[in-house]
Amino acid sequence: MPAKKALAAKRETLNLRIKPEDRGLIDRAAHLAGKSRTDFLLDAARRAAEDALLDQALFKASPAAHAEFLARLDAPPAPSDRLRRTLAAAAPWDE
């Protein structure tokens, strides 16, 4: 058994204060997801943390690449047959 304990990841405690109605909501959602409250909260917190970090991504580009990027954003889209057909078609709510 000692080998299993050595392989287990160390876990720390995180305490938080929560309103009873919030706890009840979380418990119902965790139950529906088939997870424990802890696993449900950890999954949600991990996703939120990853999203927050990914929103802070930094892109570096040379001045020339940046100028080309902006020019492409500012350029009007090239019309296509599909776009022309879509714009010429009557809207479903107008029929």
C-alpha atoms as a PDB file:
ATOM      1  CA  MET A   1       0.000   0.000   0.000  1.00  0.00           C
ATOM      2  CA  PRO A   2       2.794   2.559   0.582  1.00  0.00           C
ATOM      3  CA  ALA A   3       3.497   2.647  -3.163  1.00  0.00           C
ATOM      4  CA  LYS A   4      -0.047   3.846  -3.854  1.00  0.00           C
ATOM      5  CA  LYS A   5       0.275   6.673  -1.365  1.00  0.00           C
ATOM      6  CA  ALA A   6       3.542   7.778  -2.947  1.00  0.00           C
ATOM      7  CA  LEU A   7       1.912   7.936  -6.393  1.00  0.00           C
ATOM      8  CA  ALA A   8      -1.144   9.874  -5.221  1.00  0.00           C
ATOM      9  CA  ALA A   9      -0.991  13.586  -5.967  1.00  0.00           C
ATOM     10  CA  LYS A  10      -0.868  15.844  -2.953  1.00  0.00           C
ATOM     11  CA  ARG A  11      -4.073  17.783  -2.475  1.00  0.00           C
ATOM     12  CA  GLU A  12      -4.617  20.994  -0.594  1.00  0.00           C
ATOM     13  CA  THR A  13      -7.727  22.376   1.024  1.00  0.00           C
ATOM     14  CA  LEU A  14      -9.581  25.374  -0.357  1.00  0.00           C
ATOM     15  CA  ASN A  15     -12.231  26.875   1.914  1.00  0.00           C
ATOM     16  CA  LEU A  16     -14.915  29.288   0.834  1.00  0.00           C
ATOM     17  CA  ARG A  17     -18.039  30.776   2.280  1.00  0.00           C
ATOM     18  CA  ILE A  18     -21.185  30.232   0.287  1.00  0.00           C
ATOM     19  CA  LYS A  19     -24.861  31.050   0.625  1.00  0.00           C
ATOM     20  CA  PRO A  20     -27.102  28.039   1.243  1.00  0.00           C
ATOM     21  CA  GLU A  21     -29.073  28.662  -1.963  1.00  0.00           C
ATOM     22  CA  ASP A  22     -25.842  28.712  -4.009  1.00  0.00           C
ATOM     23  CA  ARG A  23     -24.698  25.484  -2.385  1.00  0.00           C
ATOM     24  CA  GLY A  24     -28.035  23.883  -3.163  1.00  0.00           C
ATOM     25  CA  LEU A  25     -27.818  24.987  -6.798  1.00  0.00           C
ATOM     26  CA  ILE A  26     -24.288  23.605  -7.108  1.00  0.00           C
ATOM     27  CA  ASP A  27     -25.275  20.354  -5.416  1.00  0.00           C
ATOM     28  CA  ARG A  28     -28.210  19.846  -7.807  1.00  0.00           C
ATOM     29  CA  ALA A  29     -26.030  20.541 -10.850  1.00  0.00           C
ATOM     30  CA  ALA A  30     -23.257  18.266  -9.582  1.00  0.00           C
ATOM     31  CA  HIS A  31     -25.764  15.492  -8.990  1.00  0.00           C
ATOM     32  CA  LEU A  32     -27.164  15.839 -12.514  1.00  0.00           C
ATOM     33  CA  ALA A  33     -23.614  15.760 -13.915  1.00  0.00           C
ATOM     34  CA  GLY A  34     -22.870  12.618 -11.888  1.00  0.00           C
ATOM     35  CA  LYS A  35     -20.036  14.322 -10.015  1.00  0.00           C
ATOM     36  CA  SER A  36     -19.229  15.115  -6.437  1.00  0.00           C
ATOM     37  CA  ARG A  37     -19.550  18.728  -5.369  1.00  0.00           C
ATOM     38  CA  THR A  38     -15.757  18.976  -5.178  1.00  0.00           C
ATOM     39  CA  ASP A  39     -15.195  17.554  -8.652  1.00  0.00           C
ATOM     40  CA  PHE A  40     -17.948  19.750 -10.099  1.00  0.00           C
ATOM     41  CA  LEU A  41     -16.490  22.914  -8.551  1.00  0.00           C
ATOM     42  CA  LEU A  42     -12.926  22.022  -9.513  1.00  0.00           C
ATOM     43  CA  ASP A  43     -13.914  21.385 -13.134  1.00  0.00           C
ATOM     44  CA  ALA A  44     -15.837  24.672 -13.331  1.00  0.00           C
ATOM     45  CA  ALA A  45     -13.053  26.648 -11.634  1.00  0.00           C
ATOM     46  CA  ARG A  46     -10.377  25.069 -13.842  1.00  0.00           C
ATOM     47  CA  ARG A  47     -12.320  25.952 -17.011  1.00  0.00           C
ATOM     48  CA  ALA A  48     -12.851  29.521 -15.793  1.00  0.00           C
ATOM     49  CA  ALA A  49      -9.166  29.865 -14.916  1.00  0.00           C
ATOM     50  CA  GLU A  50      -8.050  28.541 -18.311  1.00  0.00           C
ATOM     51  CA  ASP A  51     -10.465  30.891 -20.095  1.00  0.00           C
ATOM     52  CA  ALA A  52      -9.199  33.862 -18.096  1.00  0.00           C
ATOM     53  CA  LEU A  53      -5.589  32.995 -18.902  1.00  0.00           C
ATOM     54  CA  LEU A  54      -6.296  32.357 -22.582  1.00  0.00           C
ATOM     55  CA  ASP A  55      -8.038  35.741 -22.826  1.00  0.00           C
ATOM     56  CA  GLN A  56      -4.723  37.293 -21.850  1.00  0.00           C
ATOM     57  CA  ALA A  57      -2.769  35.732 -24.709  1.00  0.00           C
ATOM     58  CA  LEU A  58      -0.186  38.025 -26.216  1.00  0.00           C
ATOM     59  CA  PHE A  59       0.489  37.988 -29.927  1.00  0.00           C
ATOM     60  CA  LYS A  60       3.665  39.549 -31.216  1.00  0.00           C
ATOM     61  CA  ALA A  61       4.112  40.547 -34.847  1.00  0.00           C
ATOM     62  CA  SER A  62       6.497  42.668 -36.807  1.00  0.00           C
ATOM     63  CA  PRO A  63       5.236  46.113 -37.846  1.00  0.00           C
ATOM     64  CA  ALA A  64       4.878  44.880 -41.439  1.00  0.00           C
ATOM     65  CA  ALA A  65       2.875  41.796 -40.424  1.00  0.00           C
ATOM     66  CA  HIS A  66       0.678  43.917 -38.173  1.00  0.00           C
ATOM     67  CA  ALA A  67       0.007  46.400 -40.978  1.00  0.00           C
ATOM     68  CA  GLU A  68      -0.906  43.570 -43.354  1.00  0.00           C
ATOM     69  CA  PHE A  69      -3.220  42.064 -40.735  1.00  0.00           C
ATOM     70  CA  LEU A  70      -5.003  45.395 -40.249  1.00  0.00           C
ATOM     71  CA  ALA A  71      -5.299  45.900 -43.997  1.00  0.00           C
ATOM     72  CA  ARG A  72      -6.952  42.506 -44.373  1.00  0.00           C
ATOM     73  CA  LEU A  73      -9.366  43.287 -41.563  1.00  0.00           C
ATOM     74  CA  ASP A  74     -10.275  46.624 -43.148  1.00  0.00           C
ATOM     75  CA  ALA A  75     -10.668  45.250 -46.670  1.00  0.00           C
ATOM     76  CA  PRO A  76     -14.215  44.477 -47.772  1.00  0.00           C
ATOM     77  CA  PRO A  77     -14.943  40.797 -48.287  1.00  0.00           C
ATOM     78  CA  ALA A  78     -14.718  39.578 -51.845  1.00  0.00           C
ATOM     79  CA  PRO A  79     -18.211  38.878 -53.144  1.00  0.00           C
ATOM     80  CA  SER A  80     -18.952  35.286 -54.038  1.00  0.00           C
ATOM     81  CA  ASP A  81     -21.793  33.581 -55.858  1.00  0.00           C
ATOM     82  CA  ARG A  82     -23.019  32.120 -52.585  1.00  0.00           C
ATOM     83  CA  LEU A  83     -23.082  35.563 -50.927  1.00  0.00           C
ATOM     84  CA  ARG A  84     -24.903  37.076 -53.923  1.00  0.00           C
ATOM     85  CA  ARG A  85     -27.553  34.301 -53.799  1.00  0.00           C
ATOM     86  CA  THR A  86     -28.006  34.742 -50.063  1.00  0.00           C
ATOM     87  CA  LEU A  87     -28.462  38.498 -50.345  1.00  0.00           C
ATOM     88  CA  ALA A  88     -30.879  38.123 -53.260  1.00  0.00           C
ATOM     89  CA  ALA A  89     -33.064  35.534 -51.501  1.00  0.00           C
ATOM     90  CA  ALA A  90     -36.145  36.627 -49.616  1.00  0.00           C
ATOM     91  CA  ALA A  91     -35.997  36.292 -45.854  1.00  0.00           C
ATOM     92  CA  PRO A  92     -38.088  33.393 -44.488  1.00  0.00           C
ATOM     93  CA  TRP A  93     -40.186  35.787 -42.411  1.00  0.00           C
ATOM     94  CA  ASP A  94     -40.986  37.877 -45.523  1.00  0.00           C
ATOM     95  CA  GLU A  95     -42.452  34.922 -47.423  1.00  0.00           C
END
